[in-house]
Amino acid sequence: MVYSEELAIRIRKSIAHLEHCTEKEMMGGLAFMLNDKMCVGILKDELLCRIDPVRHEEALTQTGCREMDFTGKSMKGWIMVAEEGMKTKKLLDGWIALAIEFNAKAKKSKPKTRSTKAKK
């Protein structure tokens, strides 16, 4: 799994004060789960943030921010931030704060269940 360990360290420092925060390797990167919900993550060397969809368009106007296109189509409320958008602690903390703010309102993903074939 290839992701920026330097960015992981910066995120860990920023969220160290939070309870109920765990790390999970996923999507070829590292996810930081808050209250069992994806909050922020790392894909390669970019920050992934789950923010309020209402703030999506506003976020895209910020330096280094772009739509997440991991699945090939835009997902409102999911953004990627390149190094130039988080080069200072203040900038990184600002993105993380947006994600934490939305986390309180976000719904947990439903557990994936395996489909079973109907019995004949």
N, C-alpha and C. Protein backbone atom coordinates (compact mmCIF):
# COMPACT_ATOMS: atom_id res chain seq x y z
N MET A 1 0.85 -1.17 0.00
CA MET A 1 0.00 0.00 0.00
C MET A 1 0.89 1.24 0.00
N VAL A 2 0.68 2.13 -0.94
CA VAL A 2 1.53 3.30 -1.06
C VAL A 2 0.73 4.56 -0.75
N TYR A 3 1.07 5.18 0.36
CA TYR A 3 0.50 6.47 0.72
C TYR A 3 1.56 7.24 1.48
N SER A 4 1.40 8.53 1.57
CA SER A 4 2.39 9.38 2.21
C SER A 4 2.39 9.17 3.73
N GLU A 5 3.44 8.57 4.22
CA GLU A 5 3.57 8.37 5.67
C GLU A 5 3.76 9.72 6.36
N GLU A 6 4.41 10.66 5.66
CA GLU A 6 4.59 12.01 6.23
C GLU A 6 3.23 12.67 6.47
N LEU A 7 2.33 12.54 5.50
CA LEU A 7 0.99 13.11 5.67
C LEU A 7 0.24 12.37 6.78
N ALA A 8 0.41 11.07 6.88
CA ALA A 8 -0.24 10.29 7.94
C ALA A 8 0.18 10.81 9.32
N ILE A 9 1.47 11.11 9.46
CA ILE A 9 1.98 11.64 10.73
C ILE A 9 1.35 13.00 11.03
N ARG A 10 1.26 13.84 10.01
CA ARG A 10 0.65 15.18 10.20
C ARG A 10 -0.81 15.06 10.61
N ILE A 11 -1.54 14.14 9.99
CA ILE A 11 -2.95 13.95 10.34
C ILE A 11 -3.07 13.41 11.77
N ARG A 12 -2.26 12.42 12.10
CA ARG A 12 -2.31 11.86 13.47
C ARG A 12 -2.11 12.95 14.52
N LYS A 13 -1.17 13.85 14.28
CA LYS A 13 -0.93 14.95 15.22
C LYS A 13 -2.16 15.86 15.31
N SER A 14 -2.79 16.09 14.18
CA SER A 14 -3.94 17.00 14.14
C SER A 14 -5.17 16.42 14.85
N ILE A 15 -5.31 15.10 14.82
CA ILE A 15 -6.52 14.48 15.40
C ILE A 15 -6.24 13.76 16.72
N ALA A 16 -5.05 13.93 17.26
CA ALA A 16 -4.65 13.23 18.49
C ALA A 16 -5.61 13.48 19.66
N HIS A 17 -6.25 14.62 19.67
CA HIS A 17 -7.16 14.98 20.77
C HIS A 17 -8.53 14.30 20.68
N LEU A 18 -8.82 13.66 19.56
CA LEU A 18 -10.14 13.07 19.35
C LEU A 18 -10.24 11.67 19.95
N GLU A 19 -11.39 11.37 20.50
CA GLU A 19 -11.68 10.02 20.96
C GLU A 19 -12.40 9.29 19.83
N HIS A 20 -12.42 8.00 19.90
CA HIS A 20 -13.14 7.16 18.94
C HIS A 20 -12.63 7.34 17.51
N CYS A 21 -11.31 7.49 17.38
CA CYS A 21 -10.69 7.65 16.07
C CYS A 21 -9.78 6.44 15.82
N THR A 22 -9.96 5.81 14.66
CA THR A 22 -9.16 4.65 14.31
C THR A 22 -8.64 4.81 12.88
N GLU A 23 -7.66 3.99 12.55
CA GLU A 23 -7.10 3.99 11.20
C GLU A 23 -7.45 2.67 10.53
N LYS A 24 -7.67 2.75 9.23
CA LYS A 24 -8.01 1.55 8.47
C LYS A 24 -7.42 1.68 7.07
N GLU A 25 -6.68 0.66 6.65
CA GLU A 25 -6.16 0.68 5.29
C GLU A 25 -7.31 0.31 4.35
N MET A 26 -7.52 1.16 3.37
CA MET A 26 -8.59 0.92 2.40
C MET A 26 -8.37 1.74 1.14
N MET A 27 -8.95 1.32 0.06
CA MET A 27 -8.91 2.03 -1.22
C MET A 27 -7.48 2.32 -1.67
N GLY A 28 -6.54 1.48 -1.30
CA GLY A 28 -5.15 1.72 -1.69
C GLY A 28 -4.50 2.81 -0.89
N GLY A 29 -5.11 3.22 0.21
CA GLY A 29 -4.57 4.28 1.05
C GLY A 29 -4.86 4.03 2.50
N LEU A 30 -4.98 5.09 3.26
CA LEU A 30 -5.23 5.01 4.69
C LEU A 30 -6.41 5.89 5.03
N ALA A 31 -7.39 5.33 5.75
CA ALA A 31 -8.57 6.07 6.17
C ALA A 31 -8.52 6.30 7.68
N PHE A 32 -8.95 7.47 8.09
CA PHE A 32 -9.08 7.79 9.50
C PHE A 32 -10.58 7.84 9.79
N MET A 33 -11.01 6.90 10.62
CA MET A 33 -12.42 6.75 10.95
C MET A 33 -12.69 7.46 12.27
N LEU A 34 -13.74 8.24 12.31
CA LEU A 34 -14.16 8.92 13.53
C LEU A 34 -15.57 8.46 13.83
N ASN A 35 -15.77 7.90 15.00
CA ASN A 35 -17.09 7.35 15.38
C ASN A 35 -17.57 6.32 14.37
N ASP A 36 -16.64 5.48 13.90
CA ASP A 36 -16.92 4.43 12.92
C ASP A 36 -17.39 4.95 11.56
N LYS A 37 -17.06 6.21 11.25
CA LYS A 37 -17.42 6.81 9.96
C LYS A 37 -16.16 7.40 9.34
N MET A 38 -16.01 7.22 8.05
CA MET A 38 -14.86 7.78 7.35
C MET A 38 -14.87 9.30 7.51
N CYS A 39 -13.74 9.84 7.92
CA CYS A 39 -13.62 11.28 8.14
C CYS A 39 -12.63 11.89 7.15
N VAL A 40 -11.38 11.46 7.24
CA VAL A 40 -10.34 11.88 6.30
C VAL A 40 -9.51 10.67 5.93
N GLY A 41 -8.71 10.83 4.90
CA GLY A 41 -7.85 9.73 4.49
C GLY A 41 -6.74 10.23 3.60
N ILE A 42 -5.94 9.28 3.15
CA ILE A 42 -4.82 9.59 2.28
C ILE A 42 -4.86 8.64 1.09
N LEU A 43 -4.80 9.20 -0.09
CA LEU A 43 -4.62 8.44 -1.32
C LEU A 43 -3.35 8.98 -1.96
N LYS A 44 -2.35 8.14 -2.05
CA LYS A 44 -1.01 8.53 -2.51
C LYS A 44 -0.49 9.65 -1.63
N ASP A 45 -0.42 10.89 -2.14
CA ASP A 45 0.06 12.00 -1.32
C ASP A 45 -0.99 13.09 -1.16
N GLU A 46 -2.24 12.75 -1.41
CA GLU A 46 -3.33 13.72 -1.28
C GLU A 46 -4.21 13.40 -0.09
N LEU A 47 -4.78 14.44 0.48
CA LEU A 47 -5.72 14.33 1.57
C LEU A 47 -7.11 14.12 1.00
N LEU A 48 -7.81 13.15 1.52
CA LEU A 48 -9.20 12.89 1.16
C LEU A 48 -10.06 13.34 2.32
N CYS A 49 -11.06 14.16 2.06
CA CYS A 49 -11.95 14.65 3.12
C CYS A 49 -13.40 14.38 2.77
N ARG A 50 -14.14 13.93 3.76
CA ARG A 50 -15.58 13.79 3.64
C ARG A 50 -16.18 15.01 4.32
N ILE A 51 -16.74 15.90 3.49
CA ILE A 51 -17.27 17.16 4.02
C ILE A 51 -18.76 17.26 3.72
N ASP A 52 -19.39 18.24 4.31
CA ASP A 52 -20.81 18.47 4.08
C ASP A 52 -21.02 18.76 2.59
N PRO A 53 -21.88 18.01 1.92
CA PRO A 53 -22.13 18.26 0.49
C PRO A 53 -22.55 19.70 0.19
N VAL A 54 -23.14 20.37 1.16
CA VAL A 54 -23.53 21.78 0.98
C VAL A 54 -22.30 22.66 0.78
N ARG A 55 -21.16 22.25 1.33
CA ARG A 55 -19.92 23.04 1.24
C ARG A 55 -19.01 22.59 0.11
N HIS A 56 -19.47 21.61 -0.67
CA HIS A 56 -18.66 21.01 -1.73
C HIS A 56 -18.16 22.04 -2.75
N GLU A 57 -19.07 22.79 -3.34
CA GLU A 57 -18.69 23.76 -4.38
C GLU A 57 -17.76 24.84 -3.82
N GLU A 58 -18.04 25.29 -2.63
CA GLU A 58 -17.19 26.30 -1.98
C GLU A 58 -15.77 25.76 -1.77
N ALA A 59 -15.68 24.51 -1.33
CA ALA A 59 -14.37 23.89 -1.09
C ALA A 59 -13.56 23.82 -2.37
N LEU A 60 -14.23 23.54 -3.48
CA LEU A 60 -13.52 23.39 -4.76
C LEU A 60 -12.85 24.67 -5.24
N THR A 61 -13.22 25.81 -4.67
CA THR A 61 -12.60 27.07 -5.05
C THR A 61 -11.28 27.30 -4.31
N GLN A 62 -10.97 26.46 -3.33
CA GLN A 62 -9.77 26.63 -2.52
C GLN A 62 -8.54 26.03 -3.24
N THR A 63 -7.39 26.61 -2.99
CA THR A 63 -6.14 26.15 -3.58
C THR A 63 -5.90 24.68 -3.30
N GLY A 64 -5.58 23.94 -4.35
CA GLY A 64 -5.22 22.53 -4.21
C GLY A 64 -6.37 21.56 -4.08
N CYS A 65 -7.59 22.06 -4.04
CA CYS A 65 -8.75 21.20 -3.85
C CYS A 65 -9.37 20.81 -5.19
N ARG A 66 -9.77 19.54 -5.28
CA ARG A 66 -10.46 19.06 -6.47
C ARG A 66 -11.47 18.01 -6.06
N GLU A 67 -12.35 17.69 -7.00
CA GLU A 67 -13.33 16.65 -6.74
C GLU A 67 -12.65 15.29 -6.64
N MET A 68 -13.17 14.46 -5.79
CA MET A 68 -12.67 13.09 -5.73
C MET A 68 -13.23 12.35 -6.93
N ASP A 69 -12.36 11.71 -7.68
CA ASP A 69 -12.82 10.99 -8.87
C ASP A 69 -12.34 9.54 -8.83
N PHE A 70 -12.24 9.01 -7.63
CA PHE A 70 -11.74 7.65 -7.42
C PHE A 70 -12.58 6.62 -8.17
N THR A 71 -13.86 6.83 -8.23
CA THR A 71 -14.76 5.87 -8.90
C THR A 71 -15.01 6.23 -10.35
N GLY A 72 -14.44 7.33 -10.83
CA GLY A 72 -14.66 7.75 -12.21
C GLY A 72 -15.78 8.76 -12.35
N LYS A 73 -16.50 9.01 -11.27
CA LYS A 73 -17.51 10.06 -11.32
C LYS A 73 -17.48 10.84 -10.01
N SER A 74 -17.91 12.07 -10.08
CA SER A 74 -17.86 12.96 -8.93
C SER A 74 -18.78 12.47 -7.81
N MET A 75 -18.29 12.58 -6.59
CA MET A 75 -19.09 12.23 -5.42
C MET A 75 -19.18 13.48 -4.56
N LYS A 76 -20.33 14.12 -4.57
CA LYS A 76 -20.51 15.35 -3.82
C LYS A 76 -20.27 15.11 -2.33
N GLY A 77 -19.43 15.94 -1.74
CA GLY A 77 -19.10 15.80 -0.34
C GLY A 77 -17.78 15.09 -0.10
N TRP A 78 -17.16 14.63 -1.16
CA TRP A 78 -15.85 13.97 -1.07
C TRP A 78 -14.88 14.78 -1.92
N ILE A 79 -13.81 15.26 -1.29
CA ILE A 79 -12.83 16.09 -2.00
C ILE A 79 -11.41 15.59 -1.76
N MET A 80 -10.54 15.96 -2.67
CA MET A 80 -9.12 15.65 -2.56
C MET A 80 -8.37 16.99 -2.45
N VAL A 81 -7.35 17.01 -1.60
CA VAL A 81 -6.55 18.21 -1.43
C VAL A 81 -5.09 17.86 -1.68
N ALA A 82 -4.49 18.54 -2.64
CA ALA A 82 -3.08 18.35 -2.98
C ALA A 82 -2.20 19.13 -2.01
N GLU A 83 -0.92 18.86 -2.05
CA GLU A 83 0.04 19.47 -1.12
C GLU A 83 -0.08 20.99 -1.03
N GLU A 84 -0.26 21.67 -2.16
CA GLU A 84 -0.32 23.14 -2.12
C GLU A 84 -1.52 23.66 -1.32
N GLY A 85 -2.52 22.83 -1.12
CA GLY A 85 -3.69 23.23 -0.34
C GLY A 85 -3.60 22.90 1.14
N MET A 86 -2.52 22.23 1.53
CA MET A 86 -2.36 21.83 2.94
C MET A 86 -0.91 21.93 3.40
N LYS A 87 -0.17 22.83 2.79
CA LYS A 87 1.27 22.88 3.08
C LYS A 87 1.59 23.40 4.48
N THR A 88 0.67 24.11 5.10
CA THR A 88 0.90 24.57 6.48
C THR A 88 -0.01 23.79 7.43
N LYS A 89 0.33 23.80 8.70
CA LYS A 89 -0.50 23.14 9.71
C LYS A 89 -1.89 23.77 9.74
N LYS A 90 -1.95 25.09 9.62
CA LYS A 90 -3.23 25.79 9.65
C LYS A 90 -4.13 25.34 8.49
N LEU A 91 -3.57 25.21 7.30
CA LEU A 91 -4.36 24.77 6.15
C LEU A 91 -4.84 23.33 6.34
N LEU A 92 -3.94 22.43 6.75
CA LEU A 92 -4.32 21.04 6.98
C LEU A 92 -5.39 20.95 8.05
N ASP A 93 -5.19 21.65 9.15
CA ASP A 93 -6.16 21.62 10.24
C ASP A 93 -7.53 22.15 9.80
N GLY A 94 -7.53 23.11 8.89
CA GLY A 94 -8.79 23.65 8.38
C GLY A 94 -9.59 22.60 7.62
N TRP A 95 -8.91 21.82 6.77
CA TRP A 95 -9.59 20.75 6.03
C TRP A 95 -10.10 19.67 6.98
N ILE A 96 -9.25 19.32 7.94
CA ILE A 96 -9.65 18.28 8.89
C ILE A 96 -10.84 18.76 9.73
N ALA A 97 -10.84 20.03 10.10
CA ALA A 97 -11.97 20.58 10.88
C ALA A 97 -13.28 20.49 10.09
N LEU A 98 -13.21 20.76 8.78
CA LEU A 98 -14.43 20.62 7.94
C LEU A 98 -14.95 19.19 7.95
N ALA A 99 -14.03 18.24 7.88
CA ALA A 99 -14.42 16.83 7.87
C ALA A 99 -14.98 16.41 9.23
N ILE A 100 -14.36 16.87 10.31
CA ILE A 100 -14.85 16.54 11.65
C ILE A 100 -16.23 17.14 11.87
N GLU A 101 -16.42 18.36 11.41
CA GLU A 101 -17.72 19.04 11.55
C GLU A 101 -18.82 18.22 10.88
N PHE A 102 -18.55 17.72 9.68
CA PHE A 102 -19.56 16.94 8.97
C PHE A 102 -19.74 15.56 9.59
N ASN A 103 -18.69 15.01 10.15
CA ASN A 103 -18.75 13.67 10.73
C ASN A 103 -19.88 13.54 11.75
N ALA A 104 -20.12 14.60 12.49
CA ALA A 104 -21.19 14.57 13.49
C ALA A 104 -22.56 14.37 12.85
N LYS A 105 -22.72 14.83 11.61
CA LYS A 105 -24.00 14.72 10.89
C LYS A 105 -24.06 13.52 9.95
N ALA A 106 -22.90 13.02 9.57
CA ALA A 106 -22.84 11.95 8.57
C ALA A 106 -23.43 10.66 9.11
N LYS A 107 -24.01 9.91 8.20
CA LYS A 107 -24.56 8.61 8.56
C LYS A 107 -23.49 7.55 8.35
N LYS A 108 -23.54 6.53 9.16
CA LYS A 108 -22.63 5.40 8.99
C LYS A 108 -23.02 4.65 7.74
N SER A 109 -22.02 4.10 7.07
CA SER A 109 -22.30 3.25 5.92
C SER A 109 -22.92 1.96 6.43
N LYS A 110 -23.84 1.45 5.66
CA LYS A 110 -24.46 0.19 6.03
C LYS A 110 -23.44 -0.92 5.83
N PRO A 111 -23.42 -1.90 6.74
CA PRO A 111 -22.50 -3.02 6.55
C PRO A 111 -22.83 -3.76 5.27
N LYS A 112 -21.78 -4.14 4.56
CA LYS A 112 -21.99 -4.87 3.31
C LYS A 112 -22.38 -6.31 3.64
N THR A 113 -23.41 -6.78 2.96
CA THR A 113 -23.83 -8.16 3.16
C THR A 113 -23.64 -8.90 1.86
N ARG A 114 -23.37 -10.15 1.99
CA ARG A 114 -23.21 -10.98 0.80
C ARG A 114 -24.59 -11.36 0.29
N SER A 115 -24.73 -11.28 -1.01
CA SER A 115 -26.01 -11.70 -1.58
C SER A 115 -26.03 -13.23 -1.64
N THR A 116 -27.19 -13.75 -1.41
CA THR A 116 -27.34 -15.20 -1.48
C THR A 116 -28.33 -15.54 -2.59
N LYS A 117 -28.05 -16.61 -3.24
CA LYS A 117 -28.96 -17.02 -4.31
C LYS A 117 -30.22 -17.62 -3.72
N ALA A 118 -31.32 -17.33 -4.35
CA ALA A 118 -32.60 -17.87 -3.88
C ALA A 118 -32.60 -19.39 -4.01
N LYS A 119 -33.15 -20.04 -3.00
CA LYS A 119 -33.23 -21.50 -3.04
C LYS A 119 -34.32 -21.90 -4.01
N LYS A 120 -34.07 -23.00 -4.72
CA LYS A 120 -35.06 -23.51 -5.67
C LYS A 120 -35.97 -24.48 -5.02
